[in-house]
C-alpha atoms as a PDB file:
ATOM      1  CA  MET A   1     153.424 -41.883 -22.024  1.00  0.00           C
ATOM      2  CA  PRO A   2     157.152 -42.440 -21.305  1.00  0.00           C
ATOM      3  CA  GLN A   3     159.242 -39.360 -20.606  1.00  0.00           C
ATOM      4  CA  PRO A   4     162.549 -38.811 -22.431  1.00  0.00           C
ATOM      5  CA  SER A   5     165.255 -39.427 -19.847  1.00  0.00           C
ATOM      6  CA  HIS A   6     167.996 -37.345 -21.410  1.00  0.00           C
ATOM      7  CA  PRO A   7     166.370 -33.887 -20.966  1.00  0.00           C
ATOM      8  CA  ILE A   8     165.234 -34.798 -17.476  1.00  0.00           C
ATOM      9  CA  LYS A   9     168.671 -36.127 -16.517  1.00  0.00           C
ATOM     10  CA  ARG A  10     170.415 -33.053 -17.919  1.00  0.00           C
ATOM     11  CA  THR A  11     168.000 -30.790 -16.056  1.00  0.00           C
ATOM     12  CA  GLN A  12     168.471 -32.749 -12.826  1.00  0.00           C
ATOM     13  CA  ASP A  13     172.243 -32.472 -13.252  1.00  0.00           C
ATOM     14  CA  TRP A  14     171.920 -28.706 -13.821  1.00  0.00           C
ATOM     15  CA  VAL A  15     169.798 -28.336 -10.675  1.00  0.00           C
ATOM     16  CA  SER A  16     172.294 -30.397  -8.698  1.00  0.00           C
ATOM     17  CA  SER A  17     175.515 -28.826  -9.980  1.00  0.00           C
ATOM     18  CA  PHE A  18     174.467 -25.246 -10.660  1.00  0.00           C
ATOM     19  CA  VAL A  19     171.292 -24.317  -8.808  1.00  0.00           C
ATOM     20  CA  ILE A  20     172.238 -26.220  -5.655  1.00  0.00           C
ATOM     21  CA  GLY A  21     175.987 -26.636  -6.179  1.00  0.00           C
ATOM     22  CA  GLN A  22     176.529 -22.920  -6.770  1.00  0.00           C
ATOM     23  CA  ASN A  23     173.815 -22.029  -4.223  1.00  0.00           C
ATOM     24  CA  MET A  24     171.842 -20.024  -6.783  1.00  0.00           C
ATOM     25  CA  CYS A  25     168.707 -20.892  -4.838  1.00  0.00           C
ATOM     26  CA  PRO A  26     169.191 -21.609  -1.128  1.00  0.00           C
ATOM     27  CA  PHE A  27     165.730 -23.195  -1.048  1.00  0.00           C
ATOM     28  CA  ALA A  28     166.371 -25.904  -3.684  1.00  0.00           C
ATOM     29  CA  LYS A  29     168.580 -28.281  -1.730  1.00  0.00           C
ATOM     30  CA  GLY A  30     165.932 -29.522   0.713  1.00  0.00           C
ATOM     31  CA  PRO A  31     163.291 -30.434  -1.874  1.00  0.00           C
ATOM     32  CA  SER A  32     165.974 -32.036  -4.048  1.00  0.00           C
ATOM     33  CA  LEU A  33     167.325 -34.198  -1.227  1.00  0.00           C
ATOM     34  CA  ARG A  34     163.793 -35.209  -0.238  1.00  0.00           C
ATOM     35  CA  GLY A  35     162.876 -36.099  -3.846  1.00  0.00           C
ATOM     36  CA  GLU A  36     160.158 -33.426  -3.927  1.00  0.00           C
ATOM     37  CA  ILE A  37     161.022 -31.948  -7.329  1.00  0.00           C
ATOM     38  CA  ARG A  38     158.892 -33.291 -10.173  1.00  0.00           C
ATOM     39  CA  TYR A  39     160.620 -33.225 -13.574  1.00  0.00           C
ATOM     40  CA  ILE A  40     158.423 -33.474 -16.670  1.00  0.00           C
ATOM     41  CA  ALA A  41     159.695 -33.287 -20.252  1.00  0.00           C
ATOM     42  CA  THR A  42     156.847 -32.613 -22.641  1.00  0.00           C
ATOM     43  CA  GLN A  43     156.510 -34.768 -25.711  1.00  0.00           C
ATOM     44  CA  SER A  44     153.895 -32.435 -27.177  1.00  0.00           C
ATOM     45  CA  ASP A  45     154.620 -29.937 -29.900  1.00  0.00           C
ATOM     46  CA  THR A  46     151.658 -27.567 -29.847  1.00  0.00           C
ATOM     47  CA  GLU A  47     151.005 -24.544 -27.705  1.00  0.00           C
ATOM     48  CA  GLU A  48     147.523 -25.812 -26.850  1.00  0.00           C
ATOM     49  CA  ASP A  49     148.912 -29.119 -25.575  1.00  0.00           C
ATOM     50  CA  TRP A  50     151.600 -27.324 -23.580  1.00  0.00           C
ATOM     51  CA  LEU A  51     149.046 -25.072 -21.911  1.00  0.00           C
ATOM     52  CA  ALA A  52     146.888 -28.073 -21.063  1.00  0.00           C
ATOM     53  CA  GLU A  53     149.923 -29.851 -19.590  1.00  0.00           C
ATOM     54  CA  ILE A  54     150.897 -26.830 -17.507  1.00  0.00           C
ATOM     55  CA  LEU A  55     147.347 -26.454 -16.196  1.00  0.00           C
ATOM     56  CA  TRP A  56     147.339 -30.155 -15.321  1.00  0.00           C
ATOM     57  CA  GLU A  57     150.700 -29.795 -13.562  1.00  0.00           C
ATOM     58  CA  CYS A  58     149.369 -26.784 -11.621  1.00  0.00           C
ATOM     59  CA  GLU A  59     146.425 -28.830 -10.384  1.00  0.00           C
ATOM     60  CA  LEU A  60     148.623 -31.808  -9.588  1.00  0.00           C
ATOM     61  CA  LEU A  61     151.147 -29.680  -7.692  1.00  0.00           C
ATOM     62  CA  SER A  62     148.496 -27.779  -5.766  1.00  0.00           C
ATOM     63  CA  ASP A  63     147.124 -31.081  -4.394  1.00  0.00           C
ATOM     64  CA  SER A  64     150.378 -33.050  -4.110  1.00  0.00           C
ATOM     65  CA  ALA A  65     151.694 -34.374  -0.836  1.00  0.00           C
ATOM     66  CA  THR A  66     154.698 -35.839  -2.659  1.00  0.00           C
ATOM     67  CA  PHE A  67     156.077 -32.943  -4.722  1.00  0.00           C
ATOM     68  CA  THR A  68     156.618 -29.343  -3.668  1.00  0.00           C
ATOM     69  CA  THR A  69     157.741 -28.022  -7.033  1.00  0.00           C
ATOM     70  CA  THR A  70     157.733 -28.974 -10.712  1.00  0.00           C
ATOM     71  CA  LEU A  71     160.130 -28.288 -13.560  1.00  0.00           C
ATOM     72  CA  TRP A  72     158.205 -28.586 -16.819  1.00  0.00           C
ATOM     73  CA  ILE A  73     160.782 -28.982 -19.600  1.00  0.00           C
ATOM     74  CA  VAL A  74     160.405 -28.340 -23.344  1.00  0.00           C
ATOM     75  CA  PRO A  75     163.263 -30.312 -24.921  1.00  0.00           C
ATOM     76  CA  ASN A  76     162.255 -30.050 -28.584  1.00  0.00           C
ATOM     77  CA  ALA A  77     160.794 -26.575 -29.065  1.00  0.00           C
ATOM     78  CA  LEU A  78     160.867 -22.934 -27.989  1.00  0.00           C
ATOM     79  CA  SER A  79     164.596 -22.595 -28.638  1.00  0.00           C
ATOM     80  CA  CYS A  80     164.048 -18.953 -29.626  1.00  0.00           C
ATOM     81  CA  PHE A  81     164.073 -16.983 -26.376  1.00  0.00           C
ATOM     82  CA  GLU A  82     161.512 -14.438 -27.594  1.00  0.00           C
ATOM     83  CA  ALA A  83     159.080 -17.186 -28.653  1.00  0.00           C
ATOM     84  CA  TYR A  84     159.607 -18.856 -25.292  1.00  0.00           C
ATOM     85  CA  LEU A  85     158.855 -15.596 -23.457  1.00  0.00           C
ATOM     86  CA  ASP A  86     155.674 -15.150 -25.485  1.00  0.00           C
ATOM     87  CA  PHE A  87     154.574 -18.629 -24.479  1.00  0.00           C
ATOM     88  CA  PHE A  88     155.625 -18.108 -20.854  1.00  0.00           C
ATOM     89  CA  HIS A  89     153.528 -14.920 -20.618  1.00  0.00           C
ATOM     90  CA  LEU A  90     150.579 -16.703 -22.204  1.00  0.00           C
ATOM     91  CA  ALA A  91     150.920 -19.509 -19.642  1.00  0.00           C
ATOM     92  CA  GLU A  92     150.957 -16.925 -16.841  1.00  0.00           C
ATOM     93  CA  GLN A  93     147.787 -15.330 -18.219  1.00  0.00           C
ATOM     94  CA  ILE A  94     146.031 -18.689 -18.494  1.00  0.00           C
ATOM     95  CA  ILE A  95     146.971 -19.597 -14.925  1.00  0.00           C
ATOM     96  CA  GLU A  96     145.763 -16.206 -13.660  1.00  0.00           C
ATOM     97  CA  HIS A  97     142.292 -17.253 -14.825  1.00  0.00           C
ATOM     98  CA  SER A  98     142.480 -20.813 -13.513  1.00  0.00           C
ATOM     99  CA  PRO A  99     141.478 -22.308 -10.165  1.00  0.00           C
ATOM    100  CA  THR A 100     145.171 -22.458  -9.204  1.00  0.00           C
ATOM    101  CA  ALA A 101     145.801 -18.725  -9.689  1.00  0.00           C
ATOM    102  CA  ASP A 102     146.247 -18.122  -5.961  1.00  0.00           C
ATOM    103  CA  VAL A 103     148.176 -21.362  -5.444  1.00  0.00           C
ATOM    104  CA  ILE A 104     150.849 -21.599  -8.154  1.00  0.00           C
ATOM    105  CA  GLN A 105     153.376 -19.170  -9.581  1.00  0.00           C
ATOM    106  CA  LEU A 106     155.729 -19.630 -12.513  1.00  0.00           C
ATOM    107  CA  VAL A 107     159.421 -18.887 -12.982  1.00  0.00           C
ATOM    108  CA  SER A 108     161.084 -18.928 -16.397  1.00  0.00           C
ATOM    109  CA  PHE A 109     164.302 -20.680 -17.403  1.00  0.00           C
ATOM    110  CA  HIS A 110     165.807 -20.865 -20.881  1.00  0.00           C
ATOM    111  CA  PRO A 111     169.226 -21.660 -22.385  1.00  0.00           C
ATOM    112  CA  ASN A 112     169.377 -18.131 -23.863  1.00  0.00           C
ATOM    113  CA  TYR A 113     167.798 -16.324 -20.925  1.00  0.00           C
ATOM    114  CA  CYS A 114     168.602 -12.626 -20.871  1.00  0.00           C
ATOM    115  CA  PHE A 115     167.258 -10.160 -18.331  1.00  0.00           C
ATOM    116  CA  ALA A 116     165.473  -7.214 -19.917  1.00  0.00           C
ATOM    117  CA  ASP A 117     167.946  -4.681 -18.550  1.00  0.00           C
ATOM    118  CA  ALA A 118     171.098  -6.717 -19.264  1.00  0.00           C
ATOM    119  CA  PRO A 119     173.292  -7.230 -22.306  1.00  0.00           C
ATOM    120  CA  SER A 120     173.117 -10.743 -23.745  1.00  0.00           C
ATOM    121  CA  ASP A 121     176.700 -11.481 -22.683  1.00  0.00           C
ATOM    122  CA  ASP A 122     176.165 -10.509 -19.030  1.00  0.00           C
ATOM    123  CA  PRO A 123     177.275 -13.512 -16.945  1.00  0.00           C
ATOM    124  CA  ALA A 124     174.416 -12.770 -14.516  1.00  0.00           C
ATOM    125  CA  ASN A 125     171.943 -14.063 -17.124  1.00  0.00           C
ATOM    126  CA  ALA A 126     173.187 -17.558 -16.243  1.00  0.00           C
ATOM    127  CA  THR A 127     171.052 -17.489 -13.080  1.00  0.00           C
ATOM    128  CA  ASN A 128     168.047 -18.300 -15.296  1.00  0.00           C
ATOM    129  CA  GLN A 129     169.805 -20.239 -18.067  1.00  0.00           C
ATOM    130  CA  SER A 130     168.814 -23.898 -18.049  1.00  0.00           C
ATOM    131  CA  PRO A 131     169.797 -26.723 -20.409  1.00  0.00           C
ATOM    132  CA  PHE A 132     166.332 -26.618 -22.047  1.00  0.00           C
ATOM    133  CA  PRO A 133     163.439 -24.178 -22.039  1.00  0.00           C
ATOM    134  CA  ALA A 134     161.615 -24.844 -18.788  1.00  0.00           C
ATOM    135  CA  ILE A 135     158.911 -23.446 -16.584  1.00  0.00           C
ATOM    136  CA  HIS A 136     159.282 -23.834 -12.855  1.00  0.00           C
ATOM    137  CA  LEU A 137     155.990 -24.238 -11.018  1.00  0.00           C
ATOM    138  CA  LEU A 138     156.067 -23.262  -7.363  1.00  0.00           C
ATOM    139  CA  ARG A 139     153.445 -23.143  -4.664  1.00  0.00           C
ATOM    140  CA  ARG A 140     152.860 -19.565  -3.593  1.00  0.00           C
ATOM    141  CA  ALA A 141     152.599 -20.638   0.058  1.00  0.00           C
ATOM    142  CA  ASP A 142     156.045 -22.260  -0.118  1.00  0.00           C
ATOM    143  CA  VAL A 143     157.494 -19.125  -1.699  1.00  0.00           C
ATOM    144  CA  ALA A 144     155.911 -16.973   1.006  1.00  0.00           C
ATOM    145  CA  GLU A 145     157.350 -19.234   3.709  1.00  0.00           C
ATOM    146  CA  ALA A 146     160.814 -19.097   2.109  1.00  0.00           C
ATOM    147  CA  ILE A 147     160.647 -15.306   1.956  1.00  0.00           C
ATOM    148  CA  ALA A 148     159.528 -15.097   5.579  1.00  0.00           C
ATOM    149  CA  THR A 149     162.325 -17.363   6.817  1.00  0.00           C
ATOM    150  CA  HIS A 150     165.217 -15.864   4.850  1.00  0.00           C
ATOM    151  CA  PRO A 151     167.091 -12.991   6.494  1.00  0.00           C
ATOM    152  CA  ASP A 152     167.483 -10.953   3.277  1.00  0.00           C
ATOM    153  CA  ILE A 153     165.694 -12.473   0.293  1.00  0.00           C
ATOM    154  CA  HIS A 154     166.477  -9.478  -1.932  1.00  0.00           C
ATOM    155  CA  ARG A 155     170.222 -10.090  -1.606  1.00  0.00           C
ATOM    156  CA  ILE A 156     170.065 -13.517  -3.272  1.00  0.00           C
ATOM    157  CA  PRO A 157     169.830 -12.347  -6.926  1.00  0.00           C
ATOM    158  CA  ILE A 158     172.237  -9.457  -6.276  1.00  0.00           C
ATOM    159  CA  GLU A 159     174.848 -11.768  -4.760  1.00  0.00           C
ATOM    160  CA  ASN A 160     174.332 -14.391  -7.472  1.00  0.00           C
ATOM    161  CA  ALA A 161     174.826 -11.806 -10.226  1.00  0.00           C
ATOM    162  CA  ALA A 162     177.935 -10.386  -8.548  1.00  0.00           C
ATOM    163  CA  ARG A 163     179.433 -13.874  -8.065  1.00  0.00           C
ATOM    164  CA  LEU A 164     178.767 -14.914 -11.671  1.00  0.00           C
ATOM    165  CA  ARG A 165     180.295 -11.687 -12.984  1.00  0.00           C
ATOM    166  CA  ARG A 166     183.300 -12.050 -10.667  1.00  0.00           C
ATOM    167  CA  ASP A 167     183.797 -15.702 -11.688  1.00  0.00           C
ATOM    168  CA  SER A 168     183.554 -14.756 -15.361  1.00  0.00           C
ATOM    169  CA  LEU A 169     186.120 -12.012 -14.890  1.00  0.00           C
ATOM    170  CA  LYS A 170     188.479 -14.432 -13.126  1.00  0.00           C
ATOM    171  CA  LYS A 171     188.164 -16.924 -15.993  1.00  0.00           C
ATOM    172  CA  SER A 172     188.835 -14.269 -18.619  1.00  0.00           C
ATOM    173  CA  THR A 173     191.961 -12.983 -16.864  1.00  0.00           C
ATOM    174  CA  SER A 174     193.494 -16.384 -16.130  1.00  0.00           C
END
């Protein structure tokens, strides 16, 4: 089944310009340059199909020698952030009971992402705001390696939030 190029292209551009370009994730540049990020835009419109696709992607990623991470994109649904979060949590629960539970972890991205303890207009929310609802599939072993090799992994989200807030403040005062 052909994949819609527009959502994938927009997501690739976001990864390139924001995630990598703004150094939101210091671990993204290598896989991007090596072509190891798999981008999939679902054409399905039911929760059952989405869960089946995510499970398939988990299996594919866990055995892949080509890709190290997958961005599964929902271009035509889940625009409501709360509905997206409900689905995301369901996907996490399904994966916890799958053969890939110890292999794959999920990270959520959404155009209206808002951290639970933040106001909706907090510029720091942008760290998880993508062009389309998306679920990032990562190999747990790769995450563990990244954590082990980074000098202060806990500073990354703190520094990102501070930079986004500072940049927002600069824009509003100029």
